[in-house]
Amino acid sequence: MLRSLGHDPELLNPRRDSPAWIGRRTAQAVLDHRHGDGANQLGAPAYSDTTGYQPRNAPQVAGAFDPSTVADPAHWTPLIVGGRTQRYLTPQFAVMKPFALSRPDQFTVPAPPAYPSVRMASAVDVLGGDAAALDPDPSVAS
């Protein structure tokens, strides 16, 4: 795109006060400011966890999920898929300084109904108790 507008995207040292110089300085200022936002962009590896997060529930094999072994149904349960256990990728995002919001929880949606609860049981009844209705077969066209 830059080339189509007559600009050189490879330009590392643009002429002072040129549009490219202003753009590069502005971008660098934003990047420098955001490096301290808590996302750990410069971590090794980039965005690695800084919180020490540990799931509340033990991992379970996908396809053999046993709800009776879930310690806290309101929290995530890692799955073991193909012999590899899922991990929570960026738990530090819950405490990082937001970019365009005034606070991290500004637009947080309400939590689903507690489990077990009357409201959750009603939702299951509406679905006819069919857990498969929650995870339709993607190979079937709707």
Foldseek 3Di string as FASTA:
>chain_A
DCVVVVHDPVDPDDDPPDPVNVVVVVVVVVVVVQCPQQQQCVPVVGSAEPPPDDWPAEEEEPPPDDVVRGPAPQTDHWYQYPNRTDDDGHPSLCPTCDDPDNHSCPPPDDRDDGPPDPVVVVVCVVVVVDPCVVPDDPVDDD
